[in-house]
């Protein structure tokens, strides 16, 4: 599943000799403790590059009202561009 998923939604992780599969992004399971998995960015100085992938039709609203998490739990960002080679799904 990990290898065949073109959108790179999953990755493999080895932990204590076991191979685990995990979601890379976008999960909304309420039992996930976000504070332990995510880092809140409080200053622009904390990131050299900060990119949010969305549709062009949303740009006017974002510029006027700011980014909102809408139906998701958080606003997701990338610390790089697709051309960097390390960025995964959500930016294309």
PDB file of N, CA and C in Angstrom:
ATOM      1  N   UNK A   1       0.829  -1.195   0.000  1.00  0.00           N
ATOM      2  CA  UNK A   1       0.000   0.000   0.000  1.00  0.00           C
ATOM      3  C   UNK A   1       0.870   1.254   0.000  1.00  0.00           C
ATOM      4  N   UNK A   2       1.944   1.245   0.784  1.00  0.00           N
ATOM      5  CA  UNK A   2       2.821   2.415   0.860  1.00  0.00           C
ATOM      6  C   UNK A   2       3.485   2.670  -0.486  1.00  0.00           C
ATOM      7  N   UNK A   3       4.011   1.635  -1.105  1.00  0.00           N
ATOM      8  CA  UNK A   3       4.721   1.762  -2.371  1.00  0.00           C
ATOM      9  C   UNK A   3       3.802   2.162  -3.519  1.00  0.00           C
ATOM     10  N   UNK A   4       2.561   1.666  -3.518  1.00  0.00           N
ATOM     11  CA  UNK A   4       1.643   1.895  -4.637  1.00  0.00           C
ATOM     12  C   UNK A   4       0.839   3.184  -4.515  1.00  0.00           C
ATOM     13  N   UNK A   5       0.901   3.860  -3.382  1.00  0.00           N
ATOM     14  CA  UNK A   5       0.119   5.080  -3.170  1.00  0.00           C
ATOM     15  C   UNK A   5       0.841   6.284  -3.772  1.00  0.00           C
ATOM     16  N   UNK A   6       0.390   6.730  -4.950  1.00  0.00           N
ATOM     17  CA  UNK A   6       1.033   7.843  -5.647  1.00  0.00           C
ATOM     18  C   UNK A   6       0.991   9.150  -4.868  1.00  0.00           C
ATOM     19  N   UNK A   7       0.020   9.310  -3.993  1.00  0.00           N
ATOM     20  CA  UNK A   7      -0.095  10.552  -3.223  1.00  0.00           C
ATOM     21  C   UNK A   7       0.747  10.531  -1.949  1.00  0.00           C
ATOM     22  N   UNK A   8       1.462   9.458  -1.722  1.00  0.00           N
ATOM     23  CA  UNK A   8       2.362   9.315  -0.577  1.00  0.00           C
ATOM     24  C   UNK A   8       1.668   9.631   0.747  1.00  0.00           C
ATOM     25  N   UNK A   9       0.495   9.051   0.942  1.00  0.00           N
ATOM     26  CA  UNK A   9      -0.269   9.282   2.168  1.00  0.00           C
ATOM     27  C   UNK A   9       0.261   8.504   3.361  1.00  0.00           C
ATOM     28  N   UNK A  10       1.056   7.457   3.095  1.00  0.00           N
ATOM     29  CA  UNK A  10       1.528   6.582   4.165  1.00  0.00           C
ATOM     30  C   UNK A  10       3.040   6.424   4.105  1.00  0.00           C
ATOM     31  N   UNK A  11       3.623   6.088   5.229  1.00  0.00           N
ATOM     32  CA  UNK A  11       5.051   5.763   5.261  1.00  0.00           C
ATOM     33  C   UNK A  11       5.264   4.620   6.239  1.00  0.00           C
ATOM     34  N   UNK A  12       6.416   3.971   6.087  1.00  0.00           N
ATOM     35  CA  UNK A  12       6.773   2.871   6.979  1.00  0.00           C
ATOM     36  C   UNK A  12       7.758   3.383   8.018  1.00  0.00           C
ATOM     37  N   UNK A  13       7.636   2.850   9.213  1.00  0.00           N
ATOM     38  CA  UNK A  13       8.489   3.246  10.320  1.00  0.00           C
ATOM     39  C   UNK A  13       8.882   1.993  11.080  1.00  0.00           C
ATOM     40  N   UNK A  14      10.167   1.831  11.341  1.00  0.00           N
ATOM     41  CA  UNK A  14      10.604   0.682  12.129  1.00  0.00           C
ATOM     42  C   UNK A  14      10.766   1.121  13.576  1.00  0.00           C
ATOM     43  N   UNK A  15      10.107   0.404  14.466  1.00  0.00           N
ATOM     44  CA  UNK A  15      10.149   0.745  15.885  1.00  0.00           C
ATOM     45  C   UNK A  15      10.228  -0.533  16.708  1.00  0.00           C
ATOM     46  N   UNK A  16      11.249  -0.647  17.531  1.00  0.00           N
ATOM     47  CA  UNK A  16      11.450  -1.828  18.376  1.00  0.00           C
ATOM     48  C   UNK A  16      11.411  -3.129  17.568  1.00  0.00           C
ATOM     49  N   UNK A  17      12.033  -3.121  16.390  1.00  0.00           N
ATOM     50  CA  UNK A  17      12.092  -4.315  15.565  1.00  0.00           C
ATOM     51  C   UNK A  17      10.820  -4.625  14.798  1.00  0.00           C
ATOM     52  N   UNK A  18       9.801  -3.778  14.919  1.00  0.00           N
ATOM     53  CA  UNK A  18       8.540  -3.980  14.193  1.00  0.00           C
ATOM     54  C   UNK A  18       8.412  -2.936  13.096  1.00  0.00           C
ATOM     55  N   UNK A  19       7.810  -3.322  11.985  1.00  0.00           N
ATOM     56  CA  UNK A  19       7.555  -2.408  10.885  1.00  0.00           C
ATOM     57  C   UNK A  19       6.135  -1.885  11.022  1.00  0.00           C
ATOM     58  N   UNK A  20       5.995  -0.564  11.144  1.00  0.00           N
ATOM     59  CA  UNK A  20       4.692   0.068  11.338  1.00  0.00           C
ATOM     60  C   UNK A  20       4.350   0.928  10.134  1.00  0.00           C
ATOM     61  N   UNK A  21       3.074   1.076   9.843  1.00  0.00           N
ATOM     62  CA  UNK A  21       2.605   1.972   8.787  1.00  0.00           C
ATOM     63  C   UNK A  21       1.916   3.146   9.471  1.00  0.00           C
ATOM     64  N   UNK A  22       2.143   4.342   8.936  1.00  0.00           N
ATOM     65  CA  UNK A  22       1.510   5.516   9.529  1.00  0.00           C
ATOM     66  C   UNK A  22       1.035   6.466   8.442  1.00  0.00           C
ATOM     67  N   UNK A  23       0.042   7.278   8.775  1.00  0.00           N
ATOM     68  CA  UNK A  23      -0.443   8.314   7.868  1.00  0.00           C
ATOM     69  C   UNK A  23       0.547   9.471   7.906  1.00  0.00           C
ATOM     70  N   UNK A  24       0.879  10.032   6.748  1.00  0.00           N
ATOM     71  CA  UNK A  24       1.787  11.172   6.698  1.00  0.00           C
ATOM     72  C   UNK A  24       1.097  12.473   7.065  1.00  0.00           C
ATOM     73  N   UNK A  25      -0.191  12.582   6.771  1.00  0.00           N
ATOM     74  CA  UNK A  25      -0.897  13.839   7.017  1.00  0.00           C
ATOM     75  C   UNK A  25      -2.393  13.626   6.928  1.00  0.00           C
ATOM     76  N   UNK A  26      -3.148  14.596   7.396  1.00  0.00           N
ATOM     77  CA  UNK A  26      -4.584  14.645   7.159  1.00  0.00           C
ATOM     78  C   UNK A  26      -5.460  13.752   8.001  1.00  0.00           C
ATOM     79  N   UNK A  27      -4.930  13.083   9.012  1.00  0.00           N
ATOM     80  CA  UNK A  27      -5.795  12.232   9.820  1.00  0.00           C
ATOM     81  C   UNK A  27      -6.599  13.088  10.796  1.00  0.00           C
ATOM     82  N   UNK A  28      -7.823  12.665  11.063  1.00  0.00           N
ATOM     83  CA  UNK A  28      -8.687  13.424  11.974  1.00  0.00           C
ATOM     84  C   UNK A  28      -9.147  12.564  13.139  1.00  0.00           C
ATOM     85  N   UNK A  29      -8.407  11.538  13.458  1.00  0.00           N
ATOM     86  CA  UNK A  29      -8.758  10.670  14.573  1.00  0.00           C
ATOM     87  C   UNK A  29      -8.637  11.474  15.857  1.00  0.00           C
ATOM     88  N   UNK A  30      -9.708  11.528  16.618  1.00  0.00           N
ATOM     89  CA  UNK A  30      -9.737  12.370  17.803  1.00  0.00           C
ATOM     90  C   UNK A  30      -8.835  11.853  18.929  1.00  0.00           C
ATOM     91  N   UNK A  31      -8.379  10.606  18.861  1.00  0.00           N
ATOM     92  CA  UNK A  31      -7.514  10.075  19.914  1.00  0.00           C
ATOM     93  C   UNK A  31      -6.048  10.429  19.696  1.00  0.00           C
ATOM     94  N   UNK A  32      -5.721  11.024  18.566  1.00  0.00           N
ATOM     95  CA  UNK A  32      -4.347  11.439  18.304  1.00  0.00           C
ATOM     96  C   UNK A  32      -4.043  12.676  19.141  1.00  0.00           C
ATOM     97  N   UNK A  33      -2.937  12.653  19.859  1.00  0.00           N
ATOM     98  CA  UNK A  33      -2.531  13.791  20.678  1.00  0.00           C
ATOM     99  C   UNK A  33      -1.674  14.724  19.828  1.00  0.00           C
ATOM    100  N   UNK A  34      -2.311  15.722  19.231  1.00  0.00           N
ATOM    101  CA  UNK A  34      -1.634  16.629  18.309  1.00  0.00           C
ATOM    102  C   UNK A  34      -0.423  17.300  18.938  1.00  0.00           C
ATOM    103  N   UNK A  35      -0.514  17.640  20.217  1.00  0.00           N
ATOM    104  CA  UNK A  35       0.577  18.347  20.882  1.00  0.00           C
ATOM    105  C   UNK A  35       1.880  17.549  20.830  1.00  0.00           C
ATOM    106  N   UNK A  36       1.763  16.227  20.795  1.00  0.00           N
ATOM    107  CA  UNK A  36       2.951  15.375  20.783  1.00  0.00           C
ATOM    108  C   UNK A  36       3.507  15.187  19.377  1.00  0.00           C
ATOM    109  N   UNK A  37       2.700  15.426  18.352  1.00  0.00           N
ATOM    110  CA  UNK A  37       3.121  15.170  16.976  1.00  0.00           C
ATOM    111  C   UNK A  37       3.464  16.427  16.193  1.00  0.00           C
ATOM    112  N   UNK A  38       2.861  17.544  16.561  1.00  0.00           N
ATOM    113  CA  UNK A  38       3.008  18.770  15.789  1.00  0.00           C
ATOM    114  C   UNK A  38       3.778  19.823  16.570  1.00  0.00           C
ATOM    115  N   UNK A  39       4.354  20.763  15.852  1.00  0.00           N
ATOM    116  CA  UNK A  39       5.062  21.871  16.480  1.00  0.00           C
ATOM    117  C   UNK A  39       4.372  23.162  16.072  1.00  0.00           C
ATOM    118  N   UNK A  40       3.937  23.921  17.040  1.00  0.00           N
ATOM    119  CA  UNK A  40       3.309  25.204  16.758  1.00  0.00           C
ATOM    120  C   UNK A  40       4.388  26.213  16.384  1.00  0.00           C
ATOM    121  N   UNK A  41       4.178  26.913  15.281  1.00  0.00           N
ATOM    122  CA  UNK A  41       5.114  27.934  14.826  1.00  0.00           C
ATOM    123  C   UNK A  41       4.582  29.280  15.297  1.00  0.00           C
ATOM    124  N   UNK A  42       5.353  29.962  16.130  1.00  0.00           N
ATOM    125  CA  UNK A  42       4.905  31.220  16.723  1.00  0.00           C
ATOM    126  C   UNK A  42       5.567  32.444  16.105  1.00  0.00           C
ATOM    127  N   UNK A  43       6.630  32.232  15.345  1.00  0.00           N
ATOM    128  CA  UNK A  43       7.356  33.354  14.765  1.00  0.00           C
ATOM    129  C   UNK A  43       7.831  32.996  13.360  1.00  0.00           C
ATOM    130  N   UNK A  44       7.815  33.973  12.473  1.00  0.00           N
ATOM    131  CA  UNK A  44       8.300  33.761  11.105  1.00  0.00           C
ATOM    132  C   UNK A  44       9.781  33.390  11.099  1.00  0.00           C
ATOM    133  N   UNK A  45      10.505  33.748  12.140  1.00  0.00           N
ATOM    134  CA  UNK A  45      11.929  33.431  12.233  1.00  0.00           C
ATOM    135  C   UNK A  45      12.196  31.935  12.414  1.00  0.00           C
ATOM    136  N   UNK A  46      11.173  31.172  12.784  1.00  0.00           N
ATOM    137  CA  UNK A  46      11.351  29.745  13.037  1.00  0.00           C
ATOM    138  C   UNK A  46      11.454  28.917  11.755  1.00  0.00           C
ATOM    139  N   UNK A  47      11.037  29.475  10.623  1.00  0.00           N
ATOM    140  CA  UNK A  47      11.069  28.723   9.365  1.00  0.00           C
ATOM    141  C   UNK A  47      11.587  29.608   8.244  1.00  0.00           C
ATOM    142  N   UNK A  48      12.512  29.073   7.470  1.00  0.00           N
ATOM    143  CA  UNK A  48      13.021  29.808   6.313  1.00  0.00           C
ATOM    144  C   UNK A  48      11.972  29.808   5.211  1.00  0.00           C
ATOM    145  N   UNK A  49      11.357  28.639   4.976  1.00  0.00           N
ATOM    146  CA  UNK A  49      10.308  28.487   3.967  1.00  0.00           C
ATOM    147  C   UNK A  49       9.084  27.893   4.646  1.00  0.00           C
ATOM    148  N   UNK A  50       7.925  28.465   4.367  1.00  0.00           N
ATOM    149  CA  UNK A  50       6.668  27.951   4.918  1.00  0.00           C
ATOM    150  C   UNK A  50       5.619  28.050   3.815  1.00  0.00           C
ATOM    151  N   UNK A  51       5.160  26.892   3.315  1.00  0.00           N
ATOM    152  CA  UNK A  51       4.273  26.855   2.160  1.00  0.00           C
ATOM    153  C   UNK A  51       2.980  26.133   2.522  1.00  0.00           C
ATOM    154  N   UNK A  52       1.856  26.711   2.105  1.00  0.00           N
ATOM    155  CA  UNK A  52       0.556  26.065   2.279  1.00  0.00           C
ATOM    156  C   UNK A  52      -0.014  25.792   0.893  1.00  0.00           C
ATOM    157  N   UNK A  53      -0.308  24.548   0.592  1.00  0.00           N
ATOM    158  CA  UNK A  53      -0.869  24.188  -0.712  1.00  0.00           C
ATOM    159  C   UNK A  53      -2.383  24.286  -0.694  1.00  0.00           C
ATOM    160  N   UNK A  54      -2.949  24.988  -1.658  1.00  0.00           N
ATOM    161  CA  UNK A  54      -4.400  25.115  -1.766  1.00  0.00           C
ATOM    162  C   UNK A  54      -4.757  25.431  -3.213  1.00  0.00           C
ATOM    163  N   UNK A  55      -6.016  25.665  -3.457  1.00  0.00           N
ATOM    164  CA  UNK A  55      -6.484  26.008  -4.799  1.00  0.00           C
ATOM    165  C   UNK A  55      -6.438  27.519  -5.006  1.00  0.00           C
ATOM    166  N   UNK A  56      -6.159  27.940  -6.231  1.00  0.00           N
ATOM    167  CA  UNK A  56      -6.074  29.362  -6.554  1.00  0.00           C
ATOM    168  C   UNK A  56      -7.376  30.090  -6.222  1.00  0.00           C
ATOM    169  N   UNK A  57      -8.493  29.388  -6.354  1.00  0.00           N
ATOM    170  CA  UNK A  57      -9.788  30.022  -6.075  1.00  0.00           C
ATOM    171  C   UNK A  57      -9.918  30.445  -4.603  1.00  0.00           C
ATOM    172  N   UNK A  58      -9.076  29.906  -3.723  1.00  0.00           N
ATOM    173  CA  UNK A  58      -9.126  30.251  -2.300  1.00  0.00           C
ATOM    174  C   UNK A  58      -8.244  31.439  -1.931  1.00  0.00           C
ATOM    175  N   UNK A  59      -7.388  31.875  -2.838  1.00  0.00           N
ATOM    176  CA  UNK A  59      -6.392  32.894  -2.530  1.00  0.00           C
ATOM    177  C   UNK A  59      -7.000  34.203  -2.035  1.00  0.00           C
ATOM    178  N   UNK A  60      -8.017  34.705  -2.710  1.00  0.00           N
ATOM    179  CA  UNK A  60      -8.613  35.988  -2.321  1.00  0.00           C
ATOM    180  C   UNK A  60      -9.120  35.945  -0.876  1.00  0.00           C
ATOM    181  N   UNK A  61      -9.814  34.882  -0.525  1.00  0.00           N
ATOM    182  CA  UNK A  61     -10.330  34.726   0.833  1.00  0.00           C
ATOM    183  C   UNK A  61      -9.198  34.615   1.856  1.00  0.00           C
ATOM    184  N   UNK A  62      -8.149  33.883   1.518  1.00  0.00           N
ATOM    185  CA  UNK A  62      -7.011  33.732   2.430  1.00  0.00           C
ATOM    186  C   UNK A  62      -6.335  35.074   2.662  1.00  0.00           C
ATOM    187  N   UNK A  63      -6.145  35.845   1.606  1.00  0.00           N
ATOM    188  CA  UNK A  63      -5.514  37.154   1.751  1.00  0.00           C
ATOM    189  C   UNK A  63      -6.379  38.101   2.579  1.00  0.00           C
ATOM    190  N   UNK A  64      -7.684  37.971   2.453  1.00  0.00           N
ATOM    191  CA  UNK A  64      -8.607  38.850   3.178  1.00  0.00           C
ATOM    192  C   UNK A  64      -8.816  38.415   4.629  1.00  0.00           C
ATOM    193  N   UNK A  65      -8.998  37.113   4.849  1.00  0.00           N
ATOM    194  CA  UNK A  65      -9.387  36.613   6.172  1.00  0.00           C
ATOM    195  C   UNK A  65      -8.306  35.808   6.892  1.00  0.00           C
ATOM    196  N   UNK A  66      -7.251  35.451   6.179  1.00  0.00           N
ATOM    197  CA  UNK A  66      -6.212  34.597   6.757  1.00  0.00           C
ATOM    198  C   UNK A  66      -6.541  33.131   6.550  1.00  0.00           C
ATOM    199  N   UNK A  67      -5.586  32.272   6.862  1.00  0.00           N
ATOM    200  CA  UNK A  67      -5.793  30.827   6.741  1.00  0.00           C
ATOM    201  C   UNK A  67      -6.655  30.329   7.885  1.00  0.00           C
ATOM    202  N   UNK A  68      -7.580  29.452   7.576  1.00  0.00           N
ATOM    203  CA  UNK A  68      -8.460  28.860   8.585  1.00  0.00           C
ATOM    204  C   UNK A  68      -8.424  27.349   8.413  1.00  0.00           C
ATOM    205  N   UNK A  69      -8.576  26.614   9.494  1.00  0.00           N
ATOM    206  CA  UNK A  69      -8.485  25.157   9.409  1.00  0.00           C
ATOM    207  C   UNK A  69      -9.734  24.520   8.814  1.00  0.00           C
ATOM    208  N   UNK A  70     -10.808  25.269   8.705  1.00  0.00           N
ATOM    209  CA  UNK A  70     -12.064  24.807   8.115  1.00  0.00           C
ATOM    210  C   UNK A  70     -12.528  23.511   8.790  1.00  0.00           C
ATOM    211  N   UNK A  71     -12.711  22.413   8.040  1.00  0.00           N
ATOM    212  CA  UNK A  71     -13.204  21.156   8.616  1.00  0.00           C
ATOM    213  C   UNK A  71     -12.082  20.278   9.167  1.00  0.00           C
ATOM    214  N   UNK A  72     -10.857  20.720   9.025  1.00  0.00           N
ATOM    215  CA  UNK A  72      -9.713  19.950   9.532  1.00  0.00           C
ATOM    216  C   UNK A  72      -9.354  20.420  10.938  1.00  0.00           C
ATOM    217  N   UNK A  73      -8.467  19.690  11.571  1.00  0.00           N
ATOM    218  CA  UNK A  73      -8.050  20.054  12.925  1.00  0.00           C
ATOM    219  C   UNK A  73      -6.997  21.154  12.932  1.00  0.00           C
ATOM    220  N   UNK A  74      -6.200  21.249  11.855  1.00  0.00           N
ATOM    221  CA  UNK A  74      -5.098  22.199  11.817  1.00  0.00           C
ATOM    222  C   UNK A  74      -4.920  22.725  10.396  1.00  0.00           C
ATOM    223  N   UNK A  75      -4.149  23.783  10.268  1.00  0.00           N
ATOM    224  CA  UNK A  75      -3.686  24.249   8.966  1.00  0.00           C
ATOM    225  C   UNK A  75      -2.336  23.577   8.748  1.00  0.00           C
ATOM    226  N   UNK A  76      -2.192  22.868   7.642  1.00  0.00           N
ATOM    227  CA  UNK A  76      -0.957  22.134   7.363  1.00  0.00           C
ATOM    228  C   UNK A  76      -0.045  22.943   6.450  1.00  0.00           C
ATOM    229  N   UNK A  77       1.239  22.895   6.723  1.00  0.00           N
ATOM    230  CA  UNK A  77       2.248  23.597   5.943  1.00  0.00           C
ATOM    231  C   UNK A  77       3.356  22.632   5.556  1.00  0.00           C
ATOM    232  N   UNK A  78       4.154  23.068   4.613  1.00  0.00           N
ATOM    233  CA  UNK A  78       5.365  22.352   4.248  1.00  0.00           C
ATOM    234  C   UNK A  78       6.536  23.302   4.464  1.00  0.00           C
ATOM    235  N   UNK A  79       7.678  22.753   4.782  1.00  0.00           N
ATOM    236  CA  UNK A  79       8.869  23.590   4.953  1.00  0.00           C
ATOM    237  C   UNK A  79       9.724  23.584   3.689  1.00  0.00           C
ATOM    238  N   UNK A  80       9.100  23.243   2.558  1.00  0.00           N
ATOM    239  CA  UNK A  80       9.817  23.237   1.289  1.00  0.00           C
ATOM    240  C   UNK A  80       8.855  23.205   0.121  1.00  0.00           C
ATOM    241  N   UNK A  81       9.421  23.200  -1.062  1.00  0.00           N
ATOM    242  CA  UNK A  81       8.639  23.176  -2.295  1.00  0.00           C
ATOM    243  C   UNK A  81       8.709  21.794  -2.932  1.00  0.00           C
ATOM    244  N   UNK A  82       7.778  21.502  -3.835  1.00  0.00           N
ATOM    245  CA  UNK A  82       7.777  20.214  -4.538  1.00  0.00           C
ATOM    246  C   UNK A  82       9.113  19.936  -5.211  1.00  0.00           C
ATOM    247  N   UNK A  83       9.730  20.963  -5.730  1.00  0.00           N
ATOM    248  CA  UNK A  83      10.994  20.798  -6.450  1.00  0.00           C
ATOM    249  C   UNK A  83      12.156  20.439  -5.526  1.00  0.00           C
ATOM    250  N   UNK A  84      11.964  20.551  -4.218  1.00  0.00           N
ATOM    251  CA  UNK A  84      13.021  20.204  -3.265  1.00  0.00           C
ATOM    252  C   UNK A  84      13.236  18.698  -3.170  1.00  0.00           C
ATOM    253  N   UNK A  85      12.242  17.909  -3.608  1.00  0.00           N
ATOM    254  CA  UNK A  85      12.379  16.461  -3.609  1.00  0.00           C
ATOM    255  C   UNK A  85      11.974  15.775  -2.323  1.00  0.00           C
ATOM    256  N   UNK A  86      11.767  16.508  -1.244  1.00  0.00           N
ATOM    257  CA  UNK A  86      11.387  15.897   0.027  1.00  0.00           C
ATOM    258  C   UNK A  86       9.935  16.179   0.398  1.00  0.00           C
ATOM    259  N   UNK A  87       9.289  17.067  -0.329  1.00  0.00           N
ATOM    260  CA  UNK A  87       7.904  17.428  -0.047  1.00  0.00           C
ATOM    261  C   UNK A  87       6.996  16.358  -0.618  1.00  0.00           C
ATOM    262  N   UNK A  88       5.952  16.004   0.135  1.00  0.00           N
ATOM    263  CA  UNK A  88       5.034  14.956  -0.305  1.00  0.00           C
ATOM    264  C   UNK A  88       3.689  15.548  -0.685  1.00  0.00           C
ATOM    265  N   UNK A  89       2.719  14.701  -0.883  1.00  0.00           N
ATOM    266  CA  UNK A  89       1.370  15.054  -1.315  1.00  0.00           C
ATOM    267  C   UNK A  89       0.827  16.290  -0.620  1.00  0.00           C
ATOM    268  N   UNK A  90      -0.038  17.002  -1.324  1.00  0.00           N
ATOM    269  CA  UNK A  90      -0.681  18.174  -0.760  1.00  0.00           C
ATOM    270  C   UNK A  90      -0.157  19.458  -1.358  1.00  0.00           C
ATOM    271  N   UNK A  91       0.921  19.367  -2.096  1.00  0.00           N
ATOM    272  CA  UNK A  91       1.524  20.556  -2.676  1.00  0.00           C
ATOM    273  C   UNK A  91       1.389  20.593  -4.190  1.00  0.00           C
ATOM    274  N   UNK A  92       0.718  19.622  -4.763  1.00  0.00           N
ATOM    275  CA  UNK A  92       0.647  19.569  -6.222  1.00  0.00           C
ATOM    276  C   UNK A  92      -0.703  19.883  -6.759  1.00  0.00           C
TER     277      UNK A  92
END
